[in-house]
Amino acid sequence: MRIRSLVVGRPRDPEAATLHDRYASRLRRLGVSYETAWVSEVRAGGQFSDRHVREREARLLEERLGDREAVIALDGKGQQVSSEQLARRIGGFARREAAFVVGGPLGLDRSFLARADWVWSL
C-alpha cells in the first residue's frame, strides 16, 4: 500500500517534525510506501477572506492529488473511529493508494470535504 500525507504548510515545531519522521519510519518498516507532500499555506487576513483562503488552499491540494488515490480528509467534524475500525476502513479502499489530507489553520474548504472519499476526525 502507498500512503501519502498531503498537508497545508510545513511544521514549524521541530518536535512535531521529529514525531512525524518517527511514525513514517514505523510505517516503512511495515512495508508501507509513505511520503509527505506540502502545499503553501495562504495567509489569512489582509486582502483575503477566510473563505477565499480555504478555496485557494483547496485548489493547491487538488493539484497535488493523484488520480488513483483514495482521499481521506482530516477534519474536526469528520467521523471518529477506533484503531481497529481505522485499519478496516483503510483496508477496504479498493485502491492501493491513499492520501491523508490536512488543511491549514482555517481547515479544509467545504468543496474539498465533499469530494473526499472519507472525512476522519482524530
Protein backbone atom coordinates (compact mmCIF):
# COMPACT_ATOMS: atom_id res chain seq x y z
CA MET A 1 0.00 0.00 0.00
CA ARG A 2 1.09 3.56 -0.69
CA ILE A 3 0.15 6.24 1.83
CA ARG A 4 0.81 9.90 1.43
CA SER A 5 0.24 12.84 3.74
CA LEU A 6 -0.71 15.98 1.89
CA VAL A 7 -0.52 18.97 4.22
CA VAL A 8 -1.10 22.72 4.00
CA GLY A 9 2.02 24.42 5.38
CA ARG A 10 5.18 22.90 6.80
CA PRO A 11 5.51 22.20 10.53
CA ARG A 12 7.23 24.97 12.45
CA ASP A 13 7.75 22.92 15.60
CA PRO A 14 10.91 20.75 15.42
CA GLU A 15 9.39 18.25 17.88
CA ALA A 16 6.39 17.74 15.59
CA ALA A 17 8.72 17.10 12.65
CA THR A 18 10.67 14.55 14.71
CA LEU A 19 7.46 12.78 15.74
CA HIS A 20 6.31 12.69 12.11
CA ASP A 21 9.62 11.17 10.99
CA ARG A 22 9.42 8.51 13.73
CA TYR A 23 5.96 7.37 12.63
CA ALA A 24 6.95 7.49 8.95
CA SER A 25 9.84 5.16 9.76
CA ARG A 26 7.47 2.76 11.52
CA LEU A 27 5.17 2.65 8.51
CA ARG A 28 8.06 1.94 6.16
CA ARG A 29 9.23 -0.95 8.36
CA LEU A 30 5.76 -2.45 7.91
CA GLY A 31 6.26 -2.40 4.14
CA VAL A 32 4.09 0.65 3.52
CA SER A 33 5.31 3.15 0.97
CA TYR A 34 4.95 6.51 2.72
CA GLU A 35 5.72 10.07 1.73
CA THR A 36 4.70 13.57 2.73
CA ALA A 37 3.98 16.50 0.43
CA TRP A 38 3.23 20.07 1.40
CA VAL A 39 1.41 22.89 -0.30
CA SER A 40 1.89 26.53 0.60
CA GLU A 41 -0.26 27.97 3.33
CA VAL A 42 -2.25 31.01 2.21
CA ARG A 43 -2.10 33.64 4.93
CA ALA A 44 -5.48 34.69 6.28
CA GLY A 45 -6.39 38.30 6.87
CA GLY A 46 -5.33 41.29 4.88
CA GLN A 47 -6.64 41.11 1.34
CA PHE A 48 -8.09 37.56 1.55
CA SER A 49 -11.24 36.46 3.37
CA ASP A 50 -11.18 33.17 5.30
CA ARG A 51 -13.38 31.60 2.64
CA HIS A 52 -11.04 32.70 -0.12
CA VAL A 53 -8.05 31.29 1.78
CA ARG A 54 -9.73 27.87 2.13
CA GLU A 55 -10.73 27.87 -1.55
CA ARG A 56 -7.18 28.70 -2.70
CA GLU A 57 -5.67 26.03 -0.45
CA ALA A 58 -8.24 23.50 -1.73
CA ARG A 59 -7.14 24.22 -5.32
CA LEU A 60 -3.48 23.72 -4.36
CA LEU A 61 -4.34 20.41 -2.68
CA GLU A 62 -6.41 19.23 -5.67
CA GLU A 63 -3.45 19.88 -7.98
CA ARG A 64 -1.24 17.59 -5.90
CA LEU A 65 -3.66 14.65 -5.64
CA GLY A 66 -3.13 11.57 -7.76
CA ASP A 67 -5.94 10.16 -9.90
CA ARG A 68 -5.89 6.80 -8.14
CA GLU A 69 -5.62 7.95 -4.52
CA ALA A 70 -8.39 7.46 -2.01
CA VAL A 71 -8.73 10.87 -0.35
CA ILE A 72 -9.05 10.87 3.42
CA ALA A 73 -9.65 14.40 4.70
CA LEU A 74 -8.82 15.09 8.34
CA ASP A 75 -11.42 17.43 9.82
CA GLY A 76 -12.84 18.02 13.29
CA LYS A 77 -16.36 17.34 12.02
CA GLY A 78 -15.41 14.01 10.48
CA GLN A 79 -16.13 10.50 11.71
CA GLN A 80 -14.35 9.26 14.84
CA VAL A 81 -13.25 5.63 14.77
CA SER A 82 -11.18 3.22 16.85
CA SER A 83 -7.79 1.98 15.66
CA GLU A 84 -9.37 -1.31 14.58
CA GLN A 85 -12.11 0.48 12.64
CA LEU A 86 -9.48 2.69 11.02
CA ALA A 87 -7.48 -0.33 9.88
CA ARG A 88 -10.61 -1.94 8.38
CA ARG A 89 -11.63 1.32 6.74
CA ILE A 90 -8.27 1.87 5.07
CA GLY A 91 -8.04 -1.79 4.08
CA GLY A 92 -11.47 -1.52 2.49
CA PHE A 93 -10.48 1.08 -0.07
CA ALA A 94 -10.43 -0.56 -3.49
CA ARG A 95 -7.39 1.45 -4.47
CA ARG A 96 -4.00 0.65 -3.00
CA GLU A 97 -3.09 4.34 -2.65
CA ALA A 98 -4.41 6.75 -0.04
CA ALA A 99 -3.77 10.42 0.65
CA PHE A 100 -4.39 11.77 4.14
CA VAL A 101 -5.10 15.48 3.68
CA VAL A 102 -4.63 18.08 6.43
CA GLY A 103 -5.81 21.65 5.93
CA GLY A 104 -4.29 24.86 7.15
CA PRO A 105 -5.23 26.84 10.28
CA LEU A 106 -8.68 27.58 8.86
CA GLY A 107 -9.36 23.95 7.96
CA LEU A 108 -10.38 22.42 4.66
CA ASP A 109 -12.84 24.03 2.27
CA ARG A 110 -16.34 22.53 2.10
CA SER A 111 -15.85 21.70 -1.58
CA PHE A 112 -12.77 19.65 -0.74
CA LEU A 113 -14.53 17.82 2.10
CA ALA A 114 -17.40 16.99 -0.27
CA ARG A 115 -15.04 15.37 -2.80
CA ALA A 116 -13.15 13.31 -0.21
CA ASP A 117 -13.73 9.58 -0.06
CA TRP A 118 -13.90 9.82 3.72
CA VAL A 119 -13.72 12.59 6.33
CA TRP A 120 -12.00 11.46 9.51
CA SER A 121 -11.75 13.26 12.85
CA LEU A 122 -8.76 12.47 15.04
